[in-house]
Amino acid sequence: MNGITEIWEAVSRKAGELFEWAQAHPKFAYLFVAILLAFWLTGVLRRWKWACEWLYHGKLWLFDDCKPETKRRIYIVILSIALIASPDNVICVKVMVWERVIANTGSVSSTICGM
């Protein structure tokens, strides 16, 4: 039983370190969230089952009586708004990270979004 406790403590410690790093580097944390949202949006657009299926299949949501295609369109709108309206405008963050990659390779880069 002691081994399980050690494993739990190690995982908990690593998760804590990850959250501390994310708080210290919010732009990269936002980029990670944007990548997850973009992947989810891609799944909805391509009609992947895991992305389009609603949780619990219950009557807990306002649009449960809608057709599956209507729910899918609602998902697309919500995810698109989340990507566009995310903190620090994720598109600018992506450009900033890309500029850093280009700058590290020695290529010329331009400043976009005031970064």
N, C-alpha and C. Protein backbone atom coordinates (compact mmCIF):
# COMPACT_ATOMS: atom_id res chain seq x y z
N MET A 1 0.81 -1.19 0.00
CA MET A 1 0.00 0.00 0.00
C MET A 1 0.86 1.26 0.00
N ASN A 2 2.05 1.18 0.55
CA ASN A 2 2.94 2.32 0.61
C ASN A 2 3.37 2.75 -0.79
N GLY A 3 3.53 1.77 -1.72
CA GLY A 3 3.92 2.09 -3.09
C GLY A 3 2.89 2.93 -3.82
N ILE A 4 1.63 2.62 -3.57
CA ILE A 4 0.55 3.38 -4.20
C ILE A 4 0.56 4.82 -3.69
N THR A 5 0.79 4.99 -2.41
CA THR A 5 0.85 6.33 -1.84
C THR A 5 2.00 7.12 -2.42
N GLU A 6 3.16 6.48 -2.61
CA GLU A 6 4.31 7.16 -3.21
C GLU A 6 4.03 7.57 -4.64
N ILE A 7 3.38 6.69 -5.38
CA ILE A 7 3.03 7.01 -6.77
C ILE A 7 2.06 8.20 -6.79
N TRP A 8 1.04 8.17 -5.91
CA TRP A 8 0.07 9.26 -5.85
C TRP A 8 0.75 10.58 -5.51
N GLU A 9 1.66 10.56 -4.55
CA GLU A 9 2.36 11.78 -4.17
C GLU A 9 3.25 12.30 -5.30
N ALA A 10 3.90 11.38 -6.04
CA ALA A 10 4.74 11.79 -7.17
C ALA A 10 3.90 12.44 -8.27
N VAL A 11 2.77 11.84 -8.58
CA VAL A 11 1.89 12.39 -9.61
C VAL A 11 1.34 13.74 -9.15
N SER A 12 0.96 13.83 -7.90
CA SER A 12 0.45 15.09 -7.36
C SER A 12 1.51 16.18 -7.40
N ARG A 13 2.73 15.83 -7.07
CA ARG A 13 3.84 16.80 -7.09
C ARG A 13 4.10 17.28 -8.52
N LYS A 14 4.10 16.36 -9.49
CA LYS A 14 4.33 16.75 -10.89
C LYS A 14 3.19 17.63 -11.41
N ALA A 15 1.95 17.31 -11.02
CA ALA A 15 0.82 18.14 -11.44
C ALA A 15 0.94 19.53 -10.85
N GLY A 16 1.36 19.62 -9.60
CA GLY A 16 1.56 20.93 -8.98
C GLY A 16 2.64 21.73 -9.68
N GLU A 17 3.73 21.06 -10.07
CA GLU A 17 4.80 21.73 -10.81
C GLU A 17 4.30 22.22 -12.16
N LEU A 18 3.47 21.41 -12.81
CA LEU A 18 2.92 21.81 -14.11
C LEU A 18 2.05 23.05 -13.97
N PHE A 19 1.19 23.10 -12.96
CA PHE A 19 0.33 24.26 -12.76
C PHE A 19 1.13 25.49 -12.38
N GLU A 20 2.18 25.32 -11.60
CA GLU A 20 3.05 26.46 -11.26
C GLU A 20 3.72 27.00 -12.52
N TRP A 21 4.18 26.09 -13.39
CA TRP A 21 4.82 26.52 -14.63
C TRP A 21 3.81 27.25 -15.51
N ALA A 22 2.58 26.73 -15.58
CA ALA A 22 1.55 27.37 -16.40
C ALA A 22 1.21 28.76 -15.87
N GLN A 23 1.23 28.94 -14.56
CA GLN A 23 0.97 30.26 -13.99
C GLN A 23 2.12 31.22 -14.27
N ALA A 24 3.34 30.68 -14.29
CA ALA A 24 4.49 31.53 -14.56
C ALA A 24 4.62 31.88 -16.04
N HIS A 25 4.07 31.05 -16.92
CA HIS A 25 4.15 31.26 -18.38
C HIS A 25 2.74 31.18 -18.97
N PRO A 26 1.91 32.18 -18.73
CA PRO A 26 0.51 32.09 -19.16
C PRO A 26 0.33 32.04 -20.67
N LYS A 27 1.20 32.67 -21.41
CA LYS A 27 1.02 32.67 -22.87
C LYS A 27 1.15 31.26 -23.44
N PHE A 28 2.06 30.47 -22.88
CA PHE A 28 2.19 29.10 -23.35
C PHE A 28 1.02 28.24 -22.87
N ALA A 29 0.50 28.55 -21.69
CA ALA A 29 -0.68 27.84 -21.20
C ALA A 29 -1.88 28.15 -22.09
N TYR A 30 -2.04 29.43 -22.48
CA TYR A 30 -3.13 29.79 -23.39
C TYR A 30 -2.94 29.10 -24.75
N LEU A 31 -1.72 29.01 -25.19
CA LEU A 31 -1.45 28.33 -26.46
C LEU A 31 -1.86 26.87 -26.37
N PHE A 32 -1.55 26.22 -25.25
CA PHE A 32 -1.94 24.83 -25.06
C PHE A 32 -3.45 24.69 -25.08
N VAL A 33 -4.16 25.58 -24.40
CA VAL A 33 -5.62 25.54 -24.39
C VAL A 33 -6.16 25.78 -25.80
N ALA A 34 -5.55 26.69 -26.53
CA ALA A 34 -6.00 26.97 -27.90
C ALA A 34 -5.81 25.75 -28.80
N ILE A 35 -4.71 25.04 -28.60
CA ILE A 35 -4.48 23.82 -29.39
C ILE A 35 -5.54 22.78 -29.07
N LEU A 36 -5.89 22.63 -27.78
CA LEU A 36 -6.95 21.68 -27.41
C LEU A 36 -8.29 22.09 -28.01
N LEU A 37 -8.62 23.39 -27.94
CA LEU A 37 -9.88 23.86 -28.53
C LEU A 37 -9.89 23.66 -30.04
N ALA A 38 -8.78 23.92 -30.69
CA ALA A 38 -8.70 23.73 -32.14
C ALA A 38 -8.85 22.26 -32.51
N PHE A 39 -8.26 21.38 -31.70
CA PHE A 39 -8.40 19.95 -31.95
C PHE A 39 -9.85 19.51 -31.77
N TRP A 40 -10.50 20.03 -30.73
CA TRP A 40 -11.91 19.72 -30.50
C TRP A 40 -12.77 20.26 -31.63
N LEU A 41 -12.50 21.49 -32.09
CA LEU A 41 -13.25 22.06 -33.20
C LEU A 41 -13.04 21.23 -34.47
N THR A 42 -11.82 20.78 -34.69
CA THR A 42 -11.55 19.91 -35.84
C THR A 42 -12.38 18.63 -35.76
N GLY A 43 -12.46 18.06 -34.56
CA GLY A 43 -13.27 16.85 -34.38
C GLY A 43 -14.73 17.09 -34.66
N VAL A 44 -15.24 18.24 -34.25
CA VAL A 44 -16.65 18.55 -34.50
C VAL A 44 -16.87 18.78 -35.99
N LEU A 45 -15.97 19.50 -36.63
CA LEU A 45 -16.11 19.75 -38.07
C LEU A 45 -16.04 18.47 -38.89
N ARG A 46 -15.22 17.53 -38.44
CA ARG A 46 -15.07 16.26 -39.16
C ARG A 46 -16.04 15.20 -38.69
N ARG A 47 -16.92 15.58 -37.75
CA ARG A 47 -17.96 14.69 -37.22
C ARG A 47 -17.38 13.45 -36.52
N TRP A 48 -16.28 13.63 -35.81
CA TRP A 48 -15.74 12.53 -35.02
C TRP A 48 -16.67 12.29 -33.85
N LYS A 49 -16.92 11.02 -33.55
CA LYS A 49 -17.93 10.67 -32.54
C LYS A 49 -17.61 11.26 -31.17
N TRP A 50 -16.37 11.18 -30.74
CA TRP A 50 -16.00 11.66 -29.41
C TRP A 50 -16.22 13.17 -29.27
N ALA A 51 -16.13 13.90 -30.37
CA ALA A 51 -16.26 15.35 -30.30
C ALA A 51 -17.72 15.80 -30.39
N CYS A 52 -18.54 15.04 -31.08
CA CYS A 52 -19.92 15.45 -31.31
C CYS A 52 -20.90 14.88 -30.28
N GLU A 53 -20.51 13.87 -29.56
CA GLU A 53 -21.44 13.23 -28.63
C GLU A 53 -21.56 14.05 -27.35
N TRP A 54 -22.78 14.25 -26.90
CA TRP A 54 -23.02 15.04 -25.69
C TRP A 54 -22.84 14.19 -24.46
N LEU A 55 -22.42 14.79 -23.41
CA LEU A 55 -22.13 14.12 -22.15
C LEU A 55 -23.41 13.67 -21.44
N TYR A 56 -23.42 12.47 -20.95
CA TYR A 56 -24.48 11.88 -20.11
C TYR A 56 -25.79 11.62 -20.83
N HIS A 57 -25.98 12.09 -22.01
CA HIS A 57 -27.21 11.86 -22.79
C HIS A 57 -28.47 12.16 -21.97
N GLY A 58 -28.41 13.13 -21.10
CA GLY A 58 -29.56 13.46 -20.25
C GLY A 58 -30.25 14.72 -20.70
N LYS A 59 -31.28 15.06 -20.01
CA LYS A 59 -32.04 16.27 -20.31
C LYS A 59 -31.56 17.41 -19.42
N LEU A 60 -30.27 17.64 -19.40
CA LEU A 60 -29.71 18.65 -18.52
C LEU A 60 -29.34 19.92 -19.27
N TRP A 61 -29.47 19.92 -20.57
CA TRP A 61 -28.98 21.05 -21.34
C TRP A 61 -30.11 21.70 -22.10
N LEU A 62 -29.98 22.94 -22.42
CA LEU A 62 -31.02 23.71 -23.07
C LEU A 62 -31.38 23.16 -24.46
N PHE A 63 -30.41 22.63 -25.16
CA PHE A 63 -30.63 22.20 -26.54
C PHE A 63 -30.73 20.69 -26.70
N ASP A 64 -31.14 19.97 -25.67
CA ASP A 64 -31.23 18.52 -25.77
C ASP A 64 -32.31 18.05 -26.75
N ASP A 65 -33.30 18.86 -27.00
CA ASP A 65 -34.36 18.47 -27.92
C ASP A 65 -34.02 18.76 -29.37
N CYS A 66 -32.86 19.35 -29.61
CA CYS A 66 -32.44 19.68 -30.98
C CYS A 66 -31.96 18.42 -31.70
N LYS A 67 -31.94 18.51 -33.02
CA LYS A 67 -31.39 17.43 -33.83
C LYS A 67 -29.87 17.39 -33.65
N PRO A 68 -29.25 16.25 -33.90
CA PRO A 68 -27.79 16.15 -33.74
C PRO A 68 -27.02 17.16 -34.59
N GLU A 69 -27.50 17.45 -35.78
CA GLU A 69 -26.80 18.42 -36.64
C GLU A 69 -26.89 19.82 -36.05
N THR A 70 -28.01 20.16 -35.43
CA THR A 70 -28.15 21.47 -34.79
C THR A 70 -27.20 21.57 -33.60
N LYS A 71 -27.10 20.50 -32.81
CA LYS A 71 -26.17 20.49 -31.69
C LYS A 71 -24.73 20.67 -32.18
N ARG A 72 -24.42 20.00 -33.29
CA ARG A 72 -23.08 20.11 -33.86
C ARG A 72 -22.79 21.56 -34.27
N ARG A 73 -23.75 22.23 -34.87
CA ARG A 73 -23.57 23.62 -35.27
C ARG A 73 -23.41 24.53 -34.05
N ILE A 74 -24.14 24.23 -32.98
CA ILE A 74 -23.99 25.00 -31.75
C ILE A 74 -22.58 24.82 -31.20
N TYR A 75 -22.09 23.59 -31.21
CA TYR A 75 -20.71 23.31 -30.79
C TYR A 75 -19.72 24.15 -31.62
N ILE A 76 -19.91 24.17 -32.92
CA ILE A 76 -18.99 24.90 -33.80
C ILE A 76 -18.98 26.38 -33.43
N VAL A 77 -20.15 26.96 -33.21
CA VAL A 77 -20.22 28.38 -32.85
C VAL A 77 -19.54 28.63 -31.51
N ILE A 78 -19.83 27.80 -30.51
CA ILE A 78 -19.26 28.00 -29.17
C ILE A 78 -17.74 27.85 -29.21
N LEU A 79 -17.24 26.83 -29.88
CA LEU A 79 -15.79 26.63 -29.95
C LEU A 79 -15.10 27.73 -30.74
N SER A 80 -15.74 28.20 -31.80
CA SER A 80 -15.15 29.29 -32.58
C SER A 80 -15.07 30.57 -31.75
N ILE A 81 -16.12 30.87 -31.02
CA ILE A 81 -16.11 32.06 -30.15
C ILE A 81 -15.03 31.91 -29.08
N ALA A 82 -14.90 30.71 -28.51
CA ALA A 82 -13.89 30.49 -27.48
C ALA A 82 -12.48 30.69 -28.03
N LEU A 83 -12.24 30.26 -29.26
CA LEU A 83 -10.91 30.46 -29.86
C LEU A 83 -10.64 31.92 -30.17
N ILE A 84 -11.65 32.62 -30.64
CA ILE A 84 -11.46 34.02 -31.02
C ILE A 84 -11.35 34.91 -29.78
N ALA A 85 -12.15 34.64 -28.75
CA ALA A 85 -12.22 35.52 -27.59
C ALA A 85 -11.35 35.07 -26.42
N SER A 86 -10.46 34.16 -26.65
CA SER A 86 -9.64 33.66 -25.55
C SER A 86 -8.68 34.75 -25.05
N PRO A 87 -8.21 34.62 -23.81
CA PRO A 87 -7.34 35.64 -23.22
C PRO A 87 -6.08 35.89 -24.05
N ASP A 88 -5.68 37.14 -24.08
CA ASP A 88 -4.49 37.57 -24.81
C ASP A 88 -4.56 37.23 -26.29
N ASN A 89 -5.74 37.05 -26.81
CA ASN A 89 -5.95 36.73 -28.22
C ASN A 89 -4.95 35.68 -28.68
N VAL A 90 -5.36 34.45 -28.62
CA VAL A 90 -4.49 33.30 -28.85
C VAL A 90 -3.78 33.37 -30.19
N ILE A 91 -4.41 33.98 -31.17
CA ILE A 91 -3.76 34.09 -32.47
C ILE A 91 -2.46 34.87 -32.35
N CYS A 92 -2.48 35.96 -31.57
CA CYS A 92 -1.26 36.74 -31.35
C CYS A 92 -0.23 35.92 -30.60
N VAL A 93 -0.67 35.10 -29.67
CA VAL A 93 0.25 34.26 -28.92
C VAL A 93 0.91 33.25 -29.86
N LYS A 94 0.13 32.67 -30.74
CA LYS A 94 0.70 31.71 -31.69
C LYS A 94 1.76 32.38 -32.56
N VAL A 95 1.46 33.60 -33.01
CA VAL A 95 2.42 34.33 -33.84
C VAL A 95 3.68 34.62 -33.03
N MET A 96 3.51 35.01 -31.76
CA MET A 96 4.66 35.31 -30.93
C MET A 96 5.54 34.08 -30.74
N VAL A 97 4.93 32.93 -30.49
CA VAL A 97 5.71 31.70 -30.32
C VAL A 97 6.41 31.35 -31.63
N TRP A 98 5.71 31.49 -32.74
CA TRP A 98 6.31 31.21 -34.04
C TRP A 98 7.48 32.16 -34.31
N GLU A 99 7.33 33.44 -33.93
CA GLU A 99 8.42 34.40 -34.11
C GLU A 99 9.63 33.99 -33.29
N ARG A 100 9.40 33.49 -32.08
CA ARG A 100 10.53 33.04 -31.27
C ARG A 100 11.23 31.87 -31.92
N VAL A 101 10.47 30.97 -32.53
CA VAL A 101 11.08 29.83 -33.23
C VAL A 101 11.91 30.33 -34.40
N ILE A 102 11.36 31.28 -35.16
CA ILE A 102 12.09 31.84 -36.29
C ILE A 102 13.32 32.58 -35.80
N ALA A 103 13.18 33.36 -34.71
CA ALA A 103 14.30 34.12 -34.19
C ALA A 103 15.43 33.19 -33.73
N ASN A 104 15.07 32.04 -33.18
CA ASN A 104 16.09 31.09 -32.73
C ASN A 104 16.81 30.44 -33.90
N THR A 105 16.17 30.40 -35.07
CA THR A 105 16.82 29.81 -36.23
C THR A 105 17.63 30.85 -37.01
N GLY A 106 17.52 32.11 -36.62
CA GLY A 106 18.30 33.15 -37.27
C GLY A 106 17.59 33.84 -38.40
N SER A 107 16.35 33.46 -38.71
CA SER A 107 15.60 34.09 -39.79
C SER A 107 15.03 35.43 -39.33
N VAL A 108 14.66 36.25 -40.27
CA VAL A 108 14.08 37.56 -39.97
C VAL A 108 12.60 37.35 -39.66
N SER A 109 12.10 38.04 -38.61
CA SER A 109 10.69 37.96 -38.28
C SER A 109 10.17 39.37 -38.02
N SER A 110 8.88 39.55 -38.24
CA SER A 110 8.26 40.84 -38.01
C SER A 110 7.40 40.76 -36.76
N THR A 111 7.18 41.91 -36.13
CA THR A 111 6.37 41.94 -34.94
C THR A 111 4.91 42.12 -35.34
N ILE A 112 4.06 41.23 -34.84
CA ILE A 112 2.65 41.28 -35.12
C ILE A 112 1.91 41.36 -33.79
N CYS A 113 0.79 42.04 -33.75
CA CYS A 113 -0.05 42.20 -32.56
C CYS A 113 0.67 42.96 -31.46
N GLY A 114 1.66 43.75 -31.78
CA GLY A 114 2.33 44.57 -30.80
C GLY A 114 3.21 43.81 -29.83
N MET A 115 3.66 42.65 -30.20
CA MET A 115 4.48 41.84 -29.30
C MET A 115 5.94 42.12 -29.52
